[in-house]
Amino acid sequence: MSIEETEHHQRSKLRAHIVDVSLQLFVNNGIKGITMDDIAAGLGISKRTLYEVFPDKETLLLECLYKTKSDADAYAKTVYEESSNVMEVILKLYQRSIEQYRLVNKKFFTDMQKYPRVREELQLRHQRDTDEKIQFFRQGVAQGMFRGDINFDIVNLLVREQFNLLMNTEIFKDYPLIEVYESVMFTYLRGIATEKGYRLLEEFIKSYRK
């Protein structure tokens, strides 16, 4: 390996390490309360070295979001290949979300809205994900898991806006994030499921709550 290749490898390794540590700090504490000084200290590197890799906090935050998206897509692909129907895929992905949200500070989600480039990326992601979700739910209709008389474009938008609305209320002072998420998602899935899909959902909920 040449000197240039070695340096590139080391830089890529450092970049990935910075993203991993920063994401954990953001998730645990929220974004606003974590400074580049905090991140450099957590990494055991100088702030100058950190800024050589990421020029500002928002660029670093975007890279963290790209990583979470890449990891989620890879997991979803594996689940899809190993599952027998759409409801099974959704419930496995939901289980993963539950496990992750238990560790997330609610401020992480609200703080993201304060960064323009992050808001733009999230909006683009919502648009891309919406098309995929609609096709996915239509596949569930064909499998007999979801009702065929549902306009999934409307329902998907309602669920997304419901989460956005709740994020800007005081509800999280009384209820943990995970309980709010569960209430919305279980109600949503029960409403669109056929009897066949409903049975699978209720079996999952009973097992999950044990």
Protein backbone atom coordinates (compact mmCIF):
# COMPACT_ATOMS: atom_id res chain seq x y z
CA MET A 1 0.00 0.00 0.00
CA SER A 2 1.39 3.39 -1.01
CA ILE A 3 1.79 6.33 1.37
CA GLU A 4 -1.18 8.06 -0.27
CA GLU A 5 -3.35 4.95 0.12
CA THR A 6 -2.30 4.55 3.74
CA GLU A 7 -3.14 8.18 4.51
CA HIS A 8 -6.50 7.84 2.76
CA HIS A 9 -7.30 4.70 4.74
CA GLN A 10 -6.37 6.36 8.03
CA ARG A 11 -8.41 9.43 7.20
CA SER A 12 -11.44 7.32 6.26
CA LYS A 13 -11.08 5.36 9.49
CA LEU A 14 -10.88 8.59 11.51
CA ARG A 15 -13.90 10.01 9.69
CA ALA A 16 -15.98 6.92 10.47
CA HIS A 17 -14.88 7.01 14.12
CA ILE A 18 -15.84 10.67 14.43
CA VAL A 19 -19.29 9.93 13.02
CA ASP A 20 -19.84 6.98 15.38
CA VAL A 21 -18.85 8.92 18.51
CA SER A 22 -20.68 12.09 17.49
CA LEU A 23 -23.90 10.24 16.70
CA GLN A 24 -23.87 8.62 20.14
CA LEU A 25 -23.33 12.00 21.82
CA PHE A 26 -26.15 13.60 19.81
CA VAL A 27 -28.56 10.73 20.47
CA ASN A 28 -27.86 10.66 24.21
CA ASN A 29 -27.82 14.39 24.88
CA GLY A 30 -29.56 16.15 22.00
CA ILE A 31 -27.70 18.12 19.36
CA LYS A 32 -27.81 21.68 20.64
CA GLY A 33 -26.09 20.86 23.91
CA ILE A 34 -23.13 19.12 22.25
CA THR A 35 -20.36 21.37 20.93
CA MET A 36 -17.47 20.58 18.63
CA ASP A 37 -15.25 20.92 21.73
CA ASP A 38 -17.29 18.17 23.43
CA ILE A 39 -16.92 15.93 20.39
CA ALA A 40 -13.18 16.49 20.13
CA ALA A 41 -12.80 15.74 23.83
CA GLY A 42 -14.91 12.59 23.49
CA LEU A 43 -12.71 11.45 20.63
CA GLY A 44 -9.46 12.36 22.34
CA ILE A 45 -8.36 14.52 19.40
CA SER A 46 -7.71 18.22 18.96
CA LYS A 47 -10.47 20.51 17.75
CA ARG A 48 -8.21 21.45 14.83
CA THR A 49 -8.08 17.81 13.71
CA LEU A 50 -11.86 17.57 14.00
CA TYR A 51 -12.39 20.68 11.86
CA GLU A 52 -9.97 19.34 9.23
CA VAL A 53 -12.37 16.43 8.71
CA PHE A 54 -15.69 18.23 9.28
CA PRO A 55 -15.73 22.01 8.73
CA ASP A 56 -18.80 22.57 10.94
CA LYS A 57 -21.27 20.85 13.21
CA GLU A 58 -24.09 20.72 10.65
CA THR A 59 -21.90 18.91 8.11
CA LEU A 60 -21.01 16.39 10.80
CA LEU A 61 -24.67 15.99 11.76
CA LEU A 62 -25.61 15.34 8.13
CA GLU A 63 -22.97 12.63 7.94
CA CYS A 64 -24.44 11.06 11.07
CA LEU A 65 -27.88 11.01 9.44
CA TYR A 66 -26.46 9.45 6.27
CA LYS A 67 -24.97 6.69 8.41
CA THR A 68 -28.25 5.97 10.23
CA LYS A 69 -30.05 5.86 6.88
CA SER A 70 -27.48 3.51 5.37
CA ASP A 71 -27.63 1.20 8.39
CA ALA A 72 -31.45 1.22 8.37
CA ASP A 73 -31.60 0.44 4.64
CA ALA A 74 -29.17 -2.46 4.99
CA TYR A 75 -31.18 -3.91 7.90
CA ALA A 76 -34.49 -3.47 6.04
CA LYS A 77 -33.08 -5.26 2.98
CA THR A 78 -32.03 -8.23 5.11
CA VAL A 79 -35.40 -8.37 6.89
CA TYR A 80 -37.30 -8.16 3.60
CA GLU A 81 -35.32 -11.05 2.13
CA GLU A 82 -35.89 -13.23 5.21
CA SER A 83 -39.60 -12.47 5.82
CA SER A 84 -42.65 -14.16 4.33
CA ASN A 85 -44.99 -11.15 4.21
CA VAL A 86 -45.17 -7.38 4.52
CA MET A 87 -46.65 -7.35 8.03
CA GLU A 88 -43.76 -9.44 9.28
CA VAL A 89 -41.30 -6.96 7.76
CA ILE A 90 -43.06 -3.98 9.34
CA LEU A 91 -43.14 -5.58 12.78
CA LYS A 92 -39.45 -6.52 12.66
CA LEU A 93 -38.55 -2.98 11.60
CA TYR A 94 -40.82 -1.65 14.32
CA GLN A 95 -39.04 -3.83 16.89
CA ARG A 96 -35.72 -2.34 15.82
CA SER A 97 -37.13 1.19 16.07
CA ILE A 98 -38.37 0.49 19.59
CA GLU A 99 -34.95 -0.72 20.67
CA GLN A 100 -33.31 2.38 19.23
CA TYR A 101 -35.84 4.94 20.50
CA ARG A 102 -35.43 3.71 24.07
CA LEU A 103 -31.93 5.20 23.97
CA VAL A 104 -32.77 8.47 22.19
CA ASN A 105 -33.10 11.82 23.93
CA LYS A 106 -36.24 13.55 22.62
CA LYS A 107 -34.14 16.69 22.07
CA PHE A 108 -32.31 14.88 19.28
CA PHE A 109 -35.42 15.07 17.08
CA THR A 110 -36.47 18.61 17.99
CA ASP A 111 -32.93 19.99 17.67
CA MET A 112 -32.58 18.70 14.10
CA GLN A 113 -35.23 21.18 12.97
CA LYS A 114 -32.87 24.05 13.83
CA TYR A 115 -30.40 23.19 11.06
CA PRO A 116 -31.50 24.31 7.54
CA ARG A 117 -29.47 21.77 5.56
CA VAL A 118 -30.63 18.98 7.86
CA ARG A 119 -34.27 20.04 7.46
CA GLU A 120 -33.85 20.01 3.69
CA GLU A 121 -32.27 16.54 3.76
CA LEU A 122 -35.05 15.20 5.99
CA GLN A 123 -37.68 16.63 3.65
CA LEU A 124 -36.05 15.00 0.63
CA ARG A 125 -35.80 11.75 2.54
CA HIS A 126 -39.48 11.89 3.45
CA GLN A 127 -40.38 12.34 -0.21
CA ARG A 128 -38.24 9.39 -1.31
CA ASP A 129 -39.40 7.17 1.54
CA THR A 130 -43.06 7.99 0.93
CA ASP A 131 -43.04 6.50 -2.58
CA GLU A 132 -41.34 3.34 -1.28
CA LYS A 133 -43.78 3.04 1.64
CA ILE A 134 -46.81 3.38 -0.62
CA GLN A 135 -45.58 0.58 -2.90
CA PHE A 136 -44.77 -1.50 0.16
CA PHE A 137 -48.27 -1.13 1.64
CA ARG A 138 -49.87 -1.90 -1.72
CA GLN A 139 -47.88 -5.12 -1.71
CA GLY A 140 -49.39 -5.78 1.72
CA VAL A 141 -52.86 -5.29 0.23
CA ALA A 142 -52.07 -7.91 -2.42
CA GLN A 143 -50.95 -10.29 0.34
CA GLY A 144 -54.18 -9.77 2.26
CA MET A 145 -52.51 -8.00 5.19
CA PHE A 146 -53.95 -4.53 4.64
CA ARG A 147 -57.34 -3.26 3.56
CA GLY A 148 -57.74 -2.38 -0.10
CA ASP A 149 -60.04 0.59 0.53
CA ILE A 150 -57.32 2.69 2.20
CA ASN A 151 -55.74 5.72 0.51
CA PHE A 152 -52.21 5.17 1.75
CA ASP A 153 -50.99 8.51 0.38
CA ILE A 154 -53.37 10.28 2.76
CA VAL A 155 -52.84 7.97 5.73
CA ASN A 156 -49.05 8.10 5.42
CA LEU A 157 -49.16 11.90 5.40
CA LEU A 158 -51.48 11.96 8.42
CA VAL A 159 -49.17 9.74 10.46
CA ARG A 160 -46.10 11.78 9.57
CA GLU A 161 -47.81 15.07 10.40
CA GLN A 162 -49.13 13.60 13.63
CA PHE A 163 -45.59 12.85 14.77
CA ASN A 164 -44.46 16.33 13.70
CA LEU A 165 -47.31 17.90 15.65
CA LEU A 166 -46.62 15.87 18.78
CA MET A 167 -42.96 16.84 18.70
CA ASN A 168 -44.02 20.46 19.20
CA THR A 169 -46.35 19.84 22.14
CA GLU A 170 -45.82 19.31 25.85
CA ILE A 171 -46.84 15.64 25.69
CA PHE A 172 -43.29 14.44 26.32
CA LYS A 173 -43.35 16.04 29.75
CA ASP A 174 -46.00 13.50 30.74
CA TYR A 175 -45.15 10.50 28.56
CA PRO A 176 -41.87 9.01 27.33
CA LEU A 177 -41.08 9.17 23.63
CA ILE A 178 -41.38 5.42 23.23
CA GLU A 179 -44.93 5.33 24.64
CA VAL A 180 -46.07 8.08 22.27
CA TYR A 181 -44.48 6.26 19.34
CA GLU A 182 -46.15 2.99 20.29
CA SER A 183 -49.58 4.58 20.64
CA VAL A 184 -49.45 6.19 17.22
CA MET A 185 -48.01 3.19 15.37
CA PHE A 186 -50.21 0.50 16.89
CA THR A 187 -53.34 2.58 16.30
CA TYR A 188 -52.24 3.22 12.71
CA LEU A 189 -51.53 -0.45 11.93
CA ARG A 190 -54.75 -1.66 13.54
CA GLY A 191 -56.71 0.78 11.41
CA ILE A 192 -55.33 -0.38 8.07
CA ALA A 193 -55.02 -4.13 8.78
CA THR A 194 -57.35 -6.83 7.50
CA GLU A 195 -58.47 -9.56 9.90
CA LYS A 196 -55.49 -11.63 8.78
CA GLY A 197 -53.05 -8.78 9.33
CA TYR A 198 -54.73 -7.82 12.60
CA ARG A 199 -54.13 -11.31 14.05
CA LEU A 200 -50.42 -11.10 13.26
CA LEU A 201 -50.25 -7.63 14.77
CA GLU A 202 -51.98 -8.65 18.01
CA GLU A 203 -49.71 -11.68 18.38
CA PHE A 204 -46.73 -9.38 18.02
CA ILE A 205 -48.08 -6.88 20.57
CA LYS A 206 -48.76 -9.61 23.15
CA SER A 207 -45.27 -11.04 22.69
CA TYR A 208 -43.66 -7.60 22.69
CA ARG A 209 -45.36 -6.49 25.92
CA LYS A 210 -44.25 -9.61 27.79
